[in-house]
Amino acid sequence: EIQTLLKSINNDRGEVLVNSYNSVVGSVRQVLTDANENNLNDMIENFNNYIESYNNTTPDQFDSK
């Protein structure tokens, strides 16, 4: 559901969030496949980057330009 919502956002800020979200999903899958320290660190870093992007997003960034 989150990915569907993010894909519906059609602007640059939306793309940043989609790419960041996809990185989190990919790194979680990698940890599920091989939970080594490097993969865990990558997952945490990708999650933190997603949260930072989300927190730096304001509603007006989604308004039509």
PDB file of N, CA and C in Angstrom:
ATOM      1  N   GLU A   1       0.808  -1.188   0.000  1.00  0.00           N
ATOM      2  CA  GLU A   1       0.000   0.000   0.000  1.00  0.00           C
ATOM      3  C   GLU A   1       0.856   1.258   0.000  1.00  0.00           C
ATOM      4  N   ILE A   2       1.934   1.257   0.765  1.00  0.00           N
ATOM      5  CA  ILE A   2       2.801   2.435   0.807  1.00  0.00           C
ATOM      6  C   ILE A   2       3.431   2.662  -0.555  1.00  0.00           C
ATOM      7  N   GLN A   3       3.915   1.592  -1.167  1.00  0.00           N
ATOM      8  CA  GLN A   3       4.567   1.730  -2.461  1.00  0.00           C
ATOM      9  C   GLN A   3       3.584   2.242  -3.514  1.00  0.00           C
ATOM     10  N   THR A   4       2.349   1.780  -3.493  1.00  0.00           N
ATOM     11  CA  THR A   4       1.336   2.253  -4.431  1.00  0.00           C
ATOM     12  C   THR A   4       1.088   3.742  -4.241  1.00  0.00           C
ATOM     13  N   LEU A   5       0.984   4.172  -3.002  1.00  0.00           N
ATOM     14  CA  LEU A   5       0.789   5.589  -2.711  1.00  0.00           C
ATOM     15  C   LEU A   5       1.978   6.410  -3.190  1.00  0.00           C
ATOM     16  N   LEU A   6       3.186   5.941  -2.905  1.00  0.00           N
ATOM     17  CA  LEU A   6       4.376   6.680  -3.317  1.00  0.00           C
ATOM     18  C   LEU A   6       4.480   6.766  -4.835  1.00  0.00           C
ATOM     19  N   LYS A   7       4.105   5.698  -5.538  1.00  0.00           N
ATOM     20  CA  LYS A   7       4.160   5.709  -6.999  1.00  0.00           C
ATOM     21  C   LYS A   7       3.173   6.698  -7.600  1.00  0.00           C
ATOM     22  N   SER A   8       2.115   7.007  -6.877  1.00  0.00           N
ATOM     23  CA  SER A   8       1.118   7.943  -7.395  1.00  0.00           C
ATOM     24  C   SER A   8       1.597   9.391  -7.326  1.00  0.00           C
ATOM     25  N   ILE A   9       2.673   9.637  -6.613  1.00  0.00           N
ATOM     26  CA  ILE A   9       3.224  10.986  -6.495  1.00  0.00           C
ATOM     27  C   ILE A   9       4.075  11.244  -7.727  1.00  0.00           C
ATOM     28  N   ASN A  10       3.712  12.260  -8.478  1.00  0.00           N
ATOM     29  CA  ASN A  10       4.373  12.505  -9.753  1.00  0.00           C
ATOM     30  C   ASN A  10       5.154  13.821  -9.714  1.00  0.00           C
ATOM     31  N   ASN A  11       6.238  13.836  -8.952  1.00  0.00           N
ATOM     32  CA  ASN A  11       7.142  14.984  -8.943  1.00  0.00           C
ATOM     33  C   ASN A  11       8.500  14.543  -8.401  1.00  0.00           C
ATOM     34  N   ASP A  12       9.452  15.456  -8.389  1.00  0.00           N
ATOM     35  CA  ASP A  12      10.819  15.110  -7.978  1.00  0.00           C
ATOM     36  C   ASP A  12      10.893  14.635  -6.535  1.00  0.00           C
ATOM     37  N   ARG A  13      10.164  15.279  -5.650  1.00  0.00           N
ATOM     38  CA  ARG A  13      10.208  14.881  -4.233  1.00  0.00           C
ATOM     39  C   ARG A  13       9.633  13.484  -4.066  1.00  0.00           C
ATOM     40  N   GLY A  14       8.591  13.210  -4.810  1.00  0.00           N
ATOM     41  CA  GLY A  14       8.010  11.872  -4.784  1.00  0.00           C
ATOM     42  C   GLY A  14       9.006  10.826  -5.246  1.00  0.00           C
ATOM     43  N   GLU A  15       9.779  11.154  -6.266  1.00  0.00           N
ATOM     44  CA  GLU A  15      10.796  10.227  -6.768  1.00  0.00           C
ATOM     45  C   GLU A  15      11.849   9.933  -5.705  1.00  0.00           C
ATOM     46  N   VAL A  16      12.246  10.949  -4.969  1.00  0.00           N
ATOM     47  CA  VAL A  16      13.221  10.760  -3.888  1.00  0.00           C
ATOM     48  C   VAL A  16      12.671   9.777  -2.860  1.00  0.00           C
ATOM     49  N   LEU A  17      11.415   9.963  -2.474  1.00  0.00           N
ATOM     50  CA  LEU A  17      10.803   9.074  -1.486  1.00  0.00           C
ATOM     51  C   LEU A  17      10.650   7.656  -2.024  1.00  0.00           C
ATOM     52  N   VAL A  18      10.242   7.523  -3.286  1.00  0.00           N
ATOM     53  CA  VAL A  18      10.086   6.195  -3.890  1.00  0.00           C
ATOM     54  C   VAL A  18      11.426   5.475  -3.929  1.00  0.00           C
ATOM     55  N   ASN A  19      12.463   6.152  -4.398  1.00  0.00           N
ATOM     56  CA  ASN A  19      13.783   5.522  -4.479  1.00  0.00           C
ATOM     57  C   ASN A  19      14.304   5.134  -3.100  1.00  0.00           C
ATOM     58  N   SER A  20      14.092   5.994  -2.139  1.00  0.00           N
ATOM     59  CA  SER A  20      14.540   5.711  -0.781  1.00  0.00           C
ATOM     60  C   SER A  20      13.779   4.527  -0.191  1.00  0.00           C
ATOM     61  N   TYR A  21      12.473   4.506  -0.409  1.00  0.00           N
ATOM     62  CA  TYR A  21      11.640   3.389   0.064  1.00  0.00           C
ATOM     63  C   TYR A  21      12.088   2.078  -0.579  1.00  0.00           C
ATOM     64  N   ASN A  22      12.330   2.102  -1.886  1.00  0.00           N
ATOM     65  CA  ASN A  22      12.768   0.895  -2.583  1.00  0.00           C
ATOM     66  C   ASN A  22      14.112   0.395  -2.062  1.00  0.00           C
ATOM     67  N   SER A  23      14.987   1.309  -1.688  1.00  0.00           N
ATOM     68  CA  SER A  23      16.272   0.912  -1.100  1.00  0.00           C
ATOM     69  C   SER A  23      16.072   0.195   0.227  1.00  0.00           C
ATOM     70  N   VAL A  24      15.133   0.684   1.024  1.00  0.00           N
ATOM     71  CA  VAL A  24      14.833   0.030   2.304  1.00  0.00           C
ATOM     72  C   VAL A  24      14.305  -1.378   2.056  1.00  0.00           C
ATOM     73  N   VAL A  25      13.353  -1.512   1.150  1.00  0.00           N
ATOM     74  CA  VAL A  25      12.773  -2.826   0.854  1.00  0.00           C
ATOM     75  C   VAL A  25      13.854  -3.783   0.363  1.00  0.00           C
ATOM     76  N   GLY A  26      14.710  -3.318  -0.534  1.00  0.00           N
ATOM     77  CA  GLY A  26      15.784  -4.163  -1.044  1.00  0.00           C
ATOM     78  C   GLY A  26      16.754  -4.591   0.038  1.00  0.00           C
ATOM     79  N   SER A  27      17.096  -3.678   0.919  1.00  0.00           N
ATOM     80  CA  SER A  27      18.048  -4.026   1.975  1.00  0.00           C
ATOM     81  C   SER A  27      17.425  -4.952   3.014  1.00  0.00           C
ATOM     82  N   VAL A  28      16.130  -4.810   3.278  1.00  0.00           N
ATOM     83  CA  VAL A  28      15.451  -5.745   4.186  1.00  0.00           C
ATOM     84  C   VAL A  28      15.458  -7.142   3.577  1.00  0.00           C
ATOM     85  N   ARG A  29      15.180  -7.229   2.297  1.00  0.00           N
ATOM     86  CA  ARG A  29      15.207  -8.536   1.616  1.00  0.00           C
ATOM     87  C   ARG A  29      16.600  -9.152   1.674  1.00  0.00           C
ATOM     88  N   GLN A  30      17.616  -8.307   1.517  1.00  0.00           N
ATOM     89  CA  GLN A  30      18.989  -8.805   1.574  1.00  0.00           C
ATOM     90  C   GLN A  30      19.303  -9.348   2.964  1.00  0.00           C
ATOM     91  N   VAL A  31      18.841  -8.668   3.995  1.00  0.00           N
ATOM     92  CA  VAL A  31      19.058  -9.143   5.368  1.00  0.00           C
ATOM     93  C   VAL A  31      18.333 -10.462   5.587  1.00  0.00           C
ATOM     94  N   LEU A  32      17.131 -10.586   5.053  1.00  0.00           N
ATOM     95  CA  LEU A  32      16.391 -11.842   5.203  1.00  0.00           C
ATOM     96  C   LEU A  32      17.105 -13.000   4.514  1.00  0.00           C
ATOM     97  N   THR A  33      17.833 -12.691   3.452  1.00  0.00           N
ATOM     98  CA  THR A  33      18.597 -13.709   2.733  1.00  0.00           C
ATOM     99  C   THR A  33      19.907 -14.032   3.444  1.00  0.00           C
ATOM    100  N   ASP A  34      20.583 -12.978   3.919  1.00  0.00           N
ATOM    101  CA  ASP A  34      21.895 -13.150   4.551  1.00  0.00           C
ATOM    102  C   ASP A  34      22.082 -12.051   5.600  1.00  0.00           C
ATOM    103  N   ALA A  35      21.827 -12.388   6.842  1.00  0.00           N
ATOM    104  CA  ALA A  35      21.843 -11.391   7.920  1.00  0.00           C
ATOM    105  C   ALA A  35      23.240 -11.170   8.486  1.00  0.00           C
ATOM    106  N   ASN A  36      24.179 -10.801   7.605  1.00  0.00           N
ATOM    107  CA  ASN A  36      25.515 -10.496   8.119  1.00  0.00           C
ATOM    108  C   ASN A  36      25.592  -9.028   8.541  1.00  0.00           C
ATOM    109  N   GLU A  37      26.671  -8.679   9.194  1.00  0.00           N
ATOM    110  CA  GLU A  37      26.808  -7.334   9.763  1.00  0.00           C
ATOM    111  C   GLU A  37      26.739  -6.249   8.692  1.00  0.00           C
ATOM    112  N   ASN A  38      27.361  -6.477   7.557  1.00  0.00           N
ATOM    113  CA  ASN A  38      27.352  -5.492   6.478  1.00  0.00           C
ATOM    114  C   ASN A  38      25.935  -5.246   5.966  1.00  0.00           C
ATOM    115  N   ASN A  39      25.183  -6.317   5.751  1.00  0.00           N
ATOM    116  CA  ASN A  39      23.807  -6.173   5.275  1.00  0.00           C
ATOM    117  C   ASN A  39      22.921  -5.489   6.313  1.00  0.00           C
ATOM    118  N   LEU A  40      23.124  -5.809   7.574  1.00  0.00           N
ATOM    119  CA  LEU A  40      22.355  -5.153   8.638  1.00  0.00           C
ATOM    120  C   LEU A  40      22.661  -3.656   8.693  1.00  0.00           C
ATOM    121  N   ASN A  41      23.935  -3.310   8.577  1.00  0.00           N
ATOM    122  CA  ASN A  41      24.319  -1.897   8.582  1.00  0.00           C
ATOM    123  C   ASN A  41      23.731  -1.156   7.387  1.00  0.00           C
ATOM    124  N   ASP A  42      23.752  -1.802   6.206  1.00  0.00           N
ATOM    125  CA  ASP A  42      23.155  -1.190   5.017  1.00  0.00           C
ATOM    126  C   ASP A  42      21.661  -0.971   5.208  1.00  0.00           C
ATOM    127  N   MET A  43      20.985  -1.936   5.809  1.00  0.00           N
ATOM    128  CA  MET A  43      19.551  -1.814   6.044  1.00  0.00           C
ATOM    129  C   MET A  43      19.263  -0.631   6.973  1.00  0.00           C
ATOM    130  N   ILE A  44      20.023  -0.523   8.042  1.00  0.00           N
ATOM    131  CA  ILE A  44      19.832   0.578   8.992  1.00  0.00           C
ATOM    132  C   ILE A  44      20.104   1.920   8.318  1.00  0.00           C
ATOM    133  N   GLU A  45      21.165   1.989   7.539  1.00  0.00           N
ATOM    134  CA  GLU A  45      21.501   3.229   6.839  1.00  0.00           C
ATOM    135  C   GLU A  45      20.401   3.613   5.842  1.00  0.00           C
ATOM    136  N   ASN A  46      19.912   2.640   5.078  1.00  0.00           N
ATOM    137  CA  ASN A  46      18.843   2.926   4.118  1.00  0.00           C
ATOM    138  C   ASN A  46      17.562   3.356   4.822  1.00  0.00           C
ATOM    139  N   PHE A  47      17.245   2.720   5.931  1.00  0.00           N
ATOM    140  CA  PHE A  47      16.056   3.107   6.691  1.00  0.00           C
ATOM    141  C   PHE A  47      16.201   4.531   7.221  1.00  0.00           C
ATOM    142  N   ASN A  48      17.349   4.840   7.794  1.00  0.00           N
ATOM    143  CA  ASN A  48      17.584   6.186   8.321  1.00  0.00           C
ATOM    144  C   ASN A  48      17.513   7.241   7.216  1.00  0.00           C
ATOM    145  N   ASN A  49      18.041   6.916   6.030  1.00  0.00           N
ATOM    146  CA  ASN A  49      17.962   7.844   4.904  1.00  0.00           C
ATOM    147  C   ASN A  49      16.513   8.073   4.481  1.00  0.00           C
ATOM    148  N   TYR A  50      15.714   7.011   4.482  1.00  0.00           N
ATOM    149  CA  TYR A  50      14.298   7.143   4.134  1.00  0.00           C
ATOM    150  C   TYR A  50      13.580   8.044   5.139  1.00  0.00           C
ATOM    151  N   ILE A  51      13.816   7.807   6.418  1.00  0.00           N
ATOM    152  CA  ILE A  51      13.171   8.613   7.456  1.00  0.00           C
ATOM    153  C   ILE A  51      13.605  10.074   7.343  1.00  0.00           C
ATOM    154  N   GLU A  52      14.872  10.305   7.078  1.00  0.00           N
ATOM    155  CA  GLU A  52      15.361  11.678   6.911  1.00  0.00           C
ATOM    156  C   GLU A  52      14.678  12.354   5.718  1.00  0.00           C
ATOM    157  N   SER A  53      14.575  11.635   4.603  1.00  0.00           N
ATOM    158  CA  SER A  53      13.887  12.187   3.426  1.00  0.00           C
ATOM    159  C   SER A  53      12.434  12.489   3.737  1.00  0.00           C
ATOM    160  N   TYR A  54      11.786  11.561   4.416  1.00  0.00           N
ATOM    161  CA  TYR A  54      10.381  11.742   4.780  1.00  0.00           C
ATOM    162  C   TYR A  54      10.209  12.948   5.706  1.00  0.00           C
ATOM    163  N   ASN A  55      11.064  13.049   6.702  1.00  0.00           N
ATOM    164  CA  ASN A  55      10.965  14.149   7.666  1.00  0.00           C
ATOM    165  C   ASN A  55      11.256  15.508   7.037  1.00  0.00           C
ATOM    166  N   ASN A  56      12.032  15.518   5.964  1.00  0.00           N
ATOM    167  CA  ASN A  56      12.363  16.771   5.286  1.00  0.00           C
ATOM    168  C   ASN A  56      11.371  17.114   4.178  1.00  0.00           C
ATOM    169  N   THR A  57      10.300  16.368   4.090  1.00  0.00           N
ATOM    170  CA  THR A  57       9.283  16.593   3.070  1.00  0.00           C
ATOM    171  C   THR A  57       8.122  17.370   3.677  1.00  0.00           C
ATOM    172  N   THR A  58       7.690  18.383   2.955  1.00  0.00           N
ATOM    173  CA  THR A  58       6.552  19.183   3.402  1.00  0.00           C
ATOM    174  C   THR A  58       5.406  19.032   2.402  1.00  0.00           C
ATOM    175  N   PRO A  59       4.176  19.209   2.839  1.00  0.00           N
ATOM    176  CA  PRO A  59       3.031  19.044   1.940  1.00  0.00           C
ATOM    177  C   PRO A  59       3.100  19.926   0.694  1.00  0.00           C
ATOM    178  N   ASP A  60       3.633  21.136   0.821  1.00  0.00           N
ATOM    179  CA  ASP A  60       3.684  22.025  -0.340  1.00  0.00           C
ATOM    180  C   ASP A  60       4.613  21.510  -1.439  1.00  0.00           C
ATOM    181  N   GLN A  61       5.499  20.567  -1.120  1.00  0.00           N
ATOM    182  CA  GLN A  61       6.372  19.990  -2.138  1.00  0.00           C
ATOM    183  C   GLN A  61       5.602  19.084  -3.096  1.00  0.00           C
ATOM    184  N   PHE A  62       4.370  18.746  -2.753  1.00  0.00           N
ATOM    185  CA  PHE A  62       3.562  17.888  -3.605  1.00  0.00           C
ATOM    186  C   PHE A  62       2.508  18.664  -4.384  1.00  0.00           C
ATOM    187  N   ASP A  63       2.433  19.965  -4.146  1.00  0.00           N
ATOM    188  CA  ASP A  63       1.483  20.785  -4.891  1.00  0.00           C
ATOM    189  C   ASP A  63       1.964  20.952  -6.323  1.00  0.00           C
ATOM    190  N   SER A  64       1.045  21.179  -7.225  1.00  0.00           N
ATOM    191  CA  SER A  64       1.400  21.408  -8.630  1.00  0.00           C
ATOM    192  C   SER A  64       2.257  22.656  -8.739  1.00  0.00           C
ATOM    193  N   LYS A  65       3.244  22.558  -9.576  1.00  0.00           N
ATOM    194  CA  LYS A  65       4.157  23.696  -9.773  1.00  0.00           C
ATOM    195  C   LYS A  65       3.704  24.502 -10.966  1.00  0.00           C
TER     196      LYS A  65
END
